């Protein structure tokens, strides 16, 4: 009569029954945990990914893209503004740096009280507190004849002027946000996985099927 197998041996080698289900479940949980740990170690953020909810960054990002982020201080571009780790369209062009997602300047994910979810837009240029940035602005992206007619001008605080690549106004010119402070930036977009973010968006008003 063969010796009875130990519980550990049965757990490791059984091909059916509740022990197999438990083993496969634990293996899956461990794999997911290891992948999450790897992503966190690279990005410095948790969660390290966000789903694009609108078409404001088309054609370089589309609704349903899953975007991988890193904290701004990691892999900072040489054209970064000061110690922010963020390059603007203006600073990247001046340094002759290449673009990210088709255009010069970092794509940032930032929080603003006026919007329930983070905004994924491009940093266009930096303004200091109290700065009249009307002359620096590209007139295609404002609807004003002078600083007095331009929202958030003079700048109420130091920060980035941002814009969705597909939008016809700066976020600060249309009232979406004040100049974006570095502390309000969750992370920098590094690469995207098309359509995978649709799972995260589900079937709500911002879903890929709305």
Protein backbone atom coordinates (compact mmCIF):
# COMPACT_ATOMS: atom_id res chain seq x y z
CA UNK A 1 0.00 0.00 0.00
CA UNK A 2 1.62 3.31 -1.09
CA UNK A 3 2.33 5.86 1.65
CA UNK A 4 -0.28 8.62 2.03
CA UNK A 5 0.69 11.86 0.29
CA UNK A 6 1.24 14.90 2.46
CA UNK A 7 -1.20 17.82 2.25
CA UNK A 8 1.54 19.98 0.71
CA UNK A 9 2.28 17.39 -1.96
CA UNK A 10 -1.40 17.05 -2.83
CA UNK A 11 -1.74 20.85 -2.93
CA UNK A 12 1.20 21.15 -5.34
CA UNK A 13 0.40 18.28 -7.65
CA UNK A 14 -3.32 17.54 -7.62
CA UNK A 15 -5.06 17.99 -10.97
CA UNK A 16 -8.63 18.32 -9.73
CA UNK A 17 -10.75 19.23 -6.74
CA UNK A 18 -10.77 22.12 -4.27
CA UNK A 19 -7.01 22.00 -3.65
CA UNK A 20 -6.35 22.60 -7.35
CA UNK A 21 -8.81 25.53 -7.38
CA UNK A 22 -7.12 27.02 -4.31
CA UNK A 23 -3.65 26.56 -5.84
CA UNK A 24 -4.62 28.22 -9.13
CA UNK A 25 -6.34 31.10 -7.32
CA UNK A 26 -3.33 31.76 -5.11
CA UNK A 27 -1.00 31.56 -8.13
CA UNK A 28 -3.08 34.15 -9.98
CA UNK A 29 -3.20 36.49 -6.98
CA UNK A 30 0.57 36.18 -6.55
CA UNK A 31 1.18 36.91 -10.24
CA UNK A 32 -1.04 39.99 -10.15
CA UNK A 33 0.72 41.19 -6.98
CA UNK A 34 4.15 40.74 -8.59
CA UNK A 35 3.09 42.63 -11.72
CA UNK A 36 1.66 45.43 -9.55
CA UNK A 37 4.88 45.60 -7.53
CA UNK A 38 6.94 45.80 -10.72
CA UNK A 39 4.76 48.59 -12.15
CA UNK A 40 4.96 50.53 -8.89
CA UNK A 41 8.75 50.16 -8.72
CA UNK A 42 9.08 51.59 -12.24
CA UNK A 43 6.44 54.33 -12.03
CA UNK A 44 6.63 55.39 -8.38
CA UNK A 45 2.83 55.76 -8.46
CA UNK A 46 -0.20 53.74 -7.49
CA UNK A 47 -2.25 53.19 -9.49
CA UNK A 48 0.30 53.60 -12.31
CA UNK A 49 -2.30 53.73 -15.09
CA UNK A 50 -5.29 55.85 -16.05
CA UNK A 51 -7.89 55.48 -18.79
CA UNK A 52 -8.47 58.27 -21.29
CA UNK A 53 -12.08 59.40 -20.89
CA UNK A 54 -12.50 61.90 -23.74
CA UNK A 55 -11.26 62.86 -27.19
CA UNK A 56 -9.44 66.00 -26.04
CA UNK A 57 -6.01 64.52 -26.87
CA UNK A 58 -6.86 63.13 -30.30
CA UNK A 59 -5.25 61.97 -32.49
CA UNK A 60 -2.36 61.22 -30.12
CA UNK A 61 -4.60 59.60 -27.50
CA UNK A 62 -8.17 58.43 -27.88
CA UNK A 63 -10.95 57.51 -25.50
CA UNK A 64 -10.35 54.06 -24.12
CA UNK A 65 -6.56 54.17 -24.22
CA UNK A 66 -4.88 52.90 -21.06
CA UNK A 67 -2.00 55.24 -20.23
CA UNK A 68 1.00 54.24 -18.13
CA UNK A 69 2.33 57.00 -15.85
CA UNK A 70 5.49 57.78 -13.92
CA UNK A 71 5.94 60.35 -11.19
CA UNK A 72 7.33 63.59 -12.65
CA UNK A 73 10.75 63.25 -11.02
CA UNK A 74 11.48 59.92 -12.71
CA UNK A 75 13.17 59.93 -16.10
CA UNK A 76 12.89 63.73 -16.17
CA UNK A 77 13.59 65.16 -19.64
CA UNK A 78 16.52 67.51 -20.12
CA UNK A 79 14.08 70.25 -21.11
CA UNK A 80 12.20 70.04 -17.80
CA UNK A 81 11.19 73.34 -16.21
CA UNK A 82 13.28 73.82 -13.06
CA UNK A 83 12.91 70.92 -10.64
CA UNK A 84 9.40 69.97 -11.81
CA UNK A 85 10.51 67.10 -14.04
CA UNK A 86 8.03 68.39 -16.65
CA UNK A 87 8.96 69.75 -20.08
CA UNK A 88 6.61 72.20 -21.74
CA UNK A 89 6.02 72.54 -25.46
CA UNK A 90 7.92 75.81 -25.22
CA UNK A 91 10.92 74.50 -23.24
CA UNK A 92 11.17 71.31 -25.33
CA UNK A 93 11.17 73.28 -28.57
CA UNK A 94 13.85 75.63 -27.23
CA UNK A 95 16.03 72.66 -26.25
CA UNK A 96 15.44 70.85 -29.52
CA UNK A 97 13.95 67.90 -27.66
CA UNK A 98 11.75 65.31 -29.31
CA UNK A 99 8.04 65.09 -28.74
CA UNK A 100 5.91 62.81 -26.62
CA UNK A 101 2.74 61.42 -28.14
CA UNK A 102 3.36 63.31 -31.36
CA UNK A 103 4.01 66.83 -30.04
CA UNK A 104 6.76 68.52 -28.00
CA UNK A 105 6.09 68.83 -24.27
CA UNK A 106 5.12 66.44 -21.49
CA UNK A 107 1.59 65.07 -21.25
CA UNK A 108 0.58 65.49 -17.62
CA UNK A 109 -2.23 64.00 -15.57
CA UNK A 110 -3.45 66.58 -13.07
CA UNK A 111 -6.26 67.15 -10.60
CA UNK A 112 -8.49 70.20 -10.61
CA UNK A 113 -11.48 70.99 -8.36
CA UNK A 114 -13.63 71.79 -11.40
CA UNK A 115 -13.48 68.26 -12.79
CA UNK A 116 -14.42 64.98 -11.06
CA UNK A 117 -11.63 62.95 -12.65
CA UNK A 118 -7.99 63.70 -13.53
CA UNK A 119 -7.24 65.67 -16.70
CA UNK A 120 -4.78 64.29 -19.26
CA UNK A 121 -3.45 67.28 -21.22
CA UNK A 122 -0.15 68.67 -22.47
CA UNK A 123 1.98 71.23 -20.60
CA UNK A 124 2.38 74.12 -23.05
CA UNK A 125 4.34 76.73 -21.08
CA UNK A 126 5.11 77.93 -17.55
CA UNK A 127 3.84 81.14 -15.96
CA UNK A 128 4.90 82.84 -12.75
CA UNK A 129 2.43 84.19 -10.21
CA UNK A 130 1.10 87.56 -11.33
CA UNK A 131 2.49 87.15 -14.85
CA UNK A 132 0.71 88.70 -17.81
CA UNK A 133 0.91 85.71 -20.15
CA UNK A 134 -1.26 87.10 -22.92
CA UNK A 135 1.71 87.91 -25.18
CA UNK A 136 3.26 84.47 -24.62
CA UNK A 137 0.05 82.65 -25.51
CA UNK A 138 -0.63 81.32 -28.99
CA UNK A 139 -3.53 83.53 -30.08
CA UNK A 140 -5.22 80.56 -31.75
CA UNK A 141 -5.95 79.12 -28.31
CA UNK A 142 -7.43 82.13 -26.56
CA UNK A 143 -10.44 84.32 -27.19
CA UNK A 144 -9.36 87.68 -25.83
CA UNK A 145 -7.82 90.94 -26.98
CA UNK A 146 -5.71 91.54 -23.88
CA UNK A 147 -4.85 90.15 -20.45
CA UNK A 148 -7.88 91.76 -18.83
CA UNK A 149 -10.20 89.79 -21.11
CA UNK A 150 -8.28 86.53 -20.65
CA UNK A 151 -9.28 84.20 -17.81
CA UNK A 152 -6.54 83.55 -15.24
CA UNK A 153 -4.54 86.52 -16.48
CA UNK A 154 -2.55 87.82 -14.70
CA UNK A 155 -1.72 84.33 -13.44
CA UNK A 156 -3.24 83.76 -9.96
CA UNK A 157 -0.39 81.35 -9.15
CA UNK A 158 2.73 79.90 -10.69
CA UNK A 159 2.16 76.80 -12.77
CA UNK A 160 1.72 75.25 -16.19
CA UNK A 161 -0.62 76.46 -18.90
CA UNK A 162 -2.07 73.25 -20.37
CA UNK A 163 -4.17 72.21 -23.33
CA UNK A 164 -5.66 69.10 -24.87
CA UNK A 165 -4.09 68.51 -28.28
CA UNK A 166 -7.52 68.48 -29.91
CA UNK A 167 -8.94 71.43 -27.95
CA UNK A 168 -9.17 74.94 -29.34
CA UNK A 169 -8.52 76.70 -26.01
CA UNK A 170 -5.98 76.46 -23.23
CA UNK A 171 -7.45 74.93 -20.07
CA UNK A 172 -6.72 78.21 -18.30
CA UNK A 173 -8.42 80.28 -21.03
CA UNK A 174 -11.66 78.28 -20.92
CA UNK A 175 -11.89 78.11 -17.12
CA UNK A 176 -11.16 74.40 -16.74
CA UNK A 177 -8.24 75.07 -14.37
CA UNK A 178 -5.93 77.70 -12.97
CA UNK A 179 -2.27 77.35 -13.94
CA UNK A 180 -1.45 73.79 -12.88
CA UNK A 181 0.84 73.70 -9.86
CA UNK A 182 3.52 70.97 -9.88
CA UNK A 183 1.96 69.51 -6.73
CA UNK A 184 -1.32 69.00 -8.64
CA UNK A 185 0.35 66.80 -11.25
CA UNK A 186 -0.25 63.11 -10.53
CA UNK A 187 2.17 61.88 -13.15
CA UNK A 188 3.53 62.04 -16.67
CA UNK A 189 2.11 59.90 -19.46
CA UNK A 190 4.76 57.59 -20.92
CA UNK A 191 2.98 55.18 -23.26
CA UNK A 192 -0.51 54.05 -24.10
CA UNK A 193 -2.21 50.73 -24.75
CA UNK A 194 -5.10 51.23 -27.20
CA UNK A 195 -8.61 50.15 -26.13
CA UNK A 196 -7.53 48.44 -22.90
CA UNK A 197 -8.86 51.37 -20.86
CA UNK A 198 -12.38 50.58 -22.09
CA UNK A 199 -12.52 47.85 -19.44
CA UNK A 200 -11.80 50.42 -16.74
CA UNK A 201 -14.32 52.92 -18.09
CA UNK A 202 -17.07 50.29 -18.04
CA UNK A 203 -20.47 51.30 -19.37
CA UNK A 204 -20.83 54.74 -17.76
CA UNK A 205 -21.21 58.11 -19.53
CA UNK A 206 -17.51 58.17 -20.46
CA UNK A 207 -17.39 54.59 -21.71
CA UNK A 208 -16.06 53.64 -25.12
CA UNK A 209 -19.62 52.69 -26.10
CA UNK A 210 -21.38 55.90 -25.04
